[in-house]
Protein backbone atom coordinates (compact mmCIF):
# COMPACT_ATOMS: atom_id res chain seq x y z
CA UNK A 1 51.95 -23.56 -21.13
CA UNK A 2 55.03 -21.36 -22.14
CA UNK A 3 54.97 -18.49 -24.59
CA UNK A 4 54.85 -19.19 -28.25
CA UNK A 5 57.58 -19.21 -30.33
CA UNK A 6 57.37 -18.25 -34.41
CA UNK A 7 58.57 -21.45 -36.16
CA UNK A 8 59.10 -21.42 -40.11
CA UNK A 9 57.93 -24.39 -41.93
CA UNK A 10 61.02 -25.63 -43.89
CA UNK A 11 58.57 -26.98 -46.38
CA UNK A 12 55.84 -24.34 -46.89
CA UNK A 13 57.50 -21.41 -45.05
CA UNK A 14 54.46 -21.02 -43.46
CA UNK A 15 54.98 -19.22 -39.93
CA UNK A 16 53.78 -21.57 -37.12
CA UNK A 17 53.24 -20.52 -33.27
CA UNK A 18 54.66 -23.34 -31.17
CA UNK A 19 54.77 -23.44 -27.41
CA UNK A 20 58.74 -23.63 -26.49
CA UNK A 21 57.91 -26.61 -24.15
CA UNK A 22 56.27 -28.33 -27.28
CA UNK A 23 59.30 -28.09 -29.62
CA UNK A 24 60.99 -31.11 -28.60
CA UNK A 25 57.38 -32.44 -28.94
CA UNK A 26 57.85 -33.58 -33.14
CA UNK A 27 55.65 -30.34 -34.08
CA UNK A 28 54.23 -30.24 -37.33
CA UNK A 29 53.21 -27.36 -39.47
CA UNK A 30 49.59 -26.14 -39.00
CA UNK A 31 49.56 -25.46 -42.88
CA UNK A 32 51.16 -28.44 -44.51
CA UNK A 33 51.27 -30.78 -41.81
CA UNK A 34 54.85 -32.00 -42.18
CA UNK A 35 57.23 -31.95 -39.40
CA UNK A 36 58.73 -28.51 -38.54
CA UNK A 37 62.27 -29.92 -37.68
CA UNK A 38 63.78 -32.91 -39.60
CA UNK A 39 67.13 -33.01 -37.90
CA UNK A 40 68.68 -31.90 -41.50
CA UNK A 41 69.90 -28.43 -42.53
CA UNK A 42 67.64 -26.40 -44.40
CA UNK A 43 68.85 -24.98 -48.05
CA UNK A 44 68.48 -21.20 -47.90
CA UNK A 45 68.22 -18.89 -50.86
CA UNK A 46 66.90 -15.10 -51.83
CA UNK A 47 63.13 -16.47 -51.69
CA UNK A 48 63.41 -17.84 -47.99
CA UNK A 49 66.70 -16.33 -46.15
CA UNK A 50 64.73 -13.41 -44.92
CA UNK A 51 61.77 -15.42 -43.54
CA UNK A 52 63.77 -18.15 -41.65
CA UNK A 53 66.77 -16.07 -40.61
CA UNK A 54 64.61 -12.92 -39.78
CA UNK A 55 60.80 -13.74 -38.84
CA UNK A 56 61.57 -16.92 -37.10
CA UNK A 57 62.31 -16.91 -33.22
CA UNK A 58 64.70 -19.55 -33.31
CA UNK A 59 68.61 -18.92 -33.80
CA UNK A 60 69.83 -19.68 -37.56
CA UNK A 61 73.57 -21.07 -38.13
CA UNK A 62 74.15 -20.71 -41.71
CA UNK A 63 76.53 -22.46 -43.51
CA UNK A 64 78.22 -20.48 -46.50
CA UNK A 65 79.35 -23.21 -48.92
CA UNK A 66 80.01 -24.05 -52.40
CA UNK A 67 79.89 -27.13 -54.48
CA UNK A 68 83.41 -26.82 -55.77
CA UNK A 69 84.80 -26.08 -52.42
CA UNK A 70 86.65 -29.55 -50.96
CA UNK A 71 86.40 -28.28 -47.26
CA UNK A 72 82.67 -27.88 -47.41
CA UNK A 73 81.70 -31.20 -49.04
CA UNK A 74 84.08 -32.54 -46.19
CA UNK A 75 82.03 -30.73 -43.69
CA UNK A 76 78.70 -31.42 -45.07
CA UNK A 77 77.99 -34.53 -43.00
CA UNK A 78 79.22 -32.96 -39.78
CA UNK A 79 76.86 -29.79 -40.45
CA UNK A 80 74.07 -32.40 -40.95
CA UNK A 81 75.10 -34.83 -38.06
CA UNK A 82 75.15 -31.08 -35.68
CA UNK A 83 71.68 -30.51 -37.25
CA UNK A 84 70.41 -33.56 -35.60
CA UNK A 85 72.04 -32.39 -32.25
CA UNK A 86 70.82 -28.84 -31.95
CA UNK A 87 67.50 -28.76 -33.35
CA UNK A 88 64.77 -27.87 -32.24
CA UNK A 89 66.74 -25.51 -30.33
CA UNK A 90 68.69 -24.05 -33.62
CA UNK A 91 67.62 -23.98 -36.95
CA UNK A 92 70.43 -25.38 -38.95
CA UNK A 93 70.53 -24.04 -43.15
CA UNK A 94 73.15 -24.25 -45.84
CA UNK A 95 73.28 -21.36 -48.36
CA UNK A 96 75.17 -22.33 -51.66
CA UNK A 97 77.20 -19.06 -52.29
CA UNK A 98 77.38 -19.96 -55.94
CA UNK A 99 73.94 -20.07 -56.42
CA UNK A 100 73.47 -16.93 -54.26
CA UNK A 101 76.06 -14.59 -54.74
CA UNK A 102 74.26 -11.58 -53.85
CA UNK A 103 73.58 -12.91 -50.15
CA UNK A 104 77.05 -14.26 -50.02
CA UNK A 105 78.37 -10.47 -50.92
CA UNK A 106 75.85 -8.82 -48.38
CA UNK A 107 77.35 -10.75 -45.28
CA UNK A 108 81.30 -10.55 -46.77
CA UNK A 109 81.91 -14.04 -47.24
CA UNK A 110 85.24 -14.34 -48.39
CA UNK A 111 86.23 -17.95 -47.77
CA UNK A 112 84.18 -21.08 -47.32
CA UNK A 113 82.85 -22.75 -45.47
CA UNK A 114 81.80 -20.01 -42.99
CA UNK A 115 79.45 -20.29 -40.28
CA UNK A 116 77.36 -17.51 -39.15
CA UNK A 117 75.05 -17.77 -36.07
CA UNK A 118 71.81 -15.46 -36.34
CA UNK A 119 69.45 -14.51 -33.74
CA UNK A 120 66.57 -12.20 -34.31
CA UNK A 121 67.92 -11.64 -37.70
CA UNK A 122 71.17 -10.18 -36.47
CA UNK A 123 74.66 -12.03 -36.62
CA UNK A 124 75.94 -12.76 -33.18
CA UNK A 125 79.00 -15.11 -34.39
CA UNK A 126 81.09 -16.16 -37.35
CA UNK A 127 83.73 -18.97 -38.11
CA UNK A 128 85.05 -19.59 -41.28
CA UNK A 129 86.80 -23.26 -42.06
CA UNK A 130 85.52 -26.83 -41.71
CA UNK A 131 84.95 -27.72 -38.27
CA UNK A 132 83.70 -31.19 -36.73
CA UNK A 133 80.15 -31.97 -35.42
CA UNK A 134 81.37 -31.63 -31.81
CA UNK A 135 82.55 -28.21 -32.32
CA UNK A 136 79.90 -26.91 -34.40
CA UNK A 137 77.71 -27.85 -31.09
CA UNK A 138 79.90 -26.79 -28.56
CA UNK A 139 80.12 -23.26 -30.48
CA UNK A 140 76.99 -22.75 -31.06
CA UNK A 141 75.87 -23.54 -27.28
CA UNK A 142 79.00 -21.18 -26.36
CA UNK A 143 77.30 -18.23 -28.19
CA UNK A 144 73.90 -18.83 -27.13
CA UNK A 145 74.36 -18.73 -23.55
C-alpha cells in the first residue's frame, strides 16, 4: 500500500488520508461519505481556499474568473472538461474575483481568466487568457512533471 495523501473533501472540507494507489478507486469522505472527486471544478472562497490549496497534498489548479467576463464564460465548459480528465491527480477549482476581491488582489490578478497551478500551497505556474480543455490538460501535466 502506498503512502497516504491528504485530500480535502469538496463537500464538508474534512481532510481525508487516502493511499495514492486508491485515488482512482472513487474514494469517499470518511466524515460525510460523499465522493472526494466528482470530475467537476470546486468553488473556492475565503472560507475554503487555504484548506484546499494549502492543506491538501494534491496540486490545485485555480481558474480566477468573473461572471461578467465573456472569455471566462467561454472557457468554463473547457475547464470543467479538463477537471474530468485531470482528477484525481489534480483538484480543479474556480474563484470568482468579483465575490473574492481580496484573494484576487493577493495573487495579483490583473486579467481574467487567469489559471494558477498550486502545489503544497505555493504557486508553480500561471497563465492568462481563455484556453481549451486539451491545452489546459497539457499545460498542467507539463508543469507537474
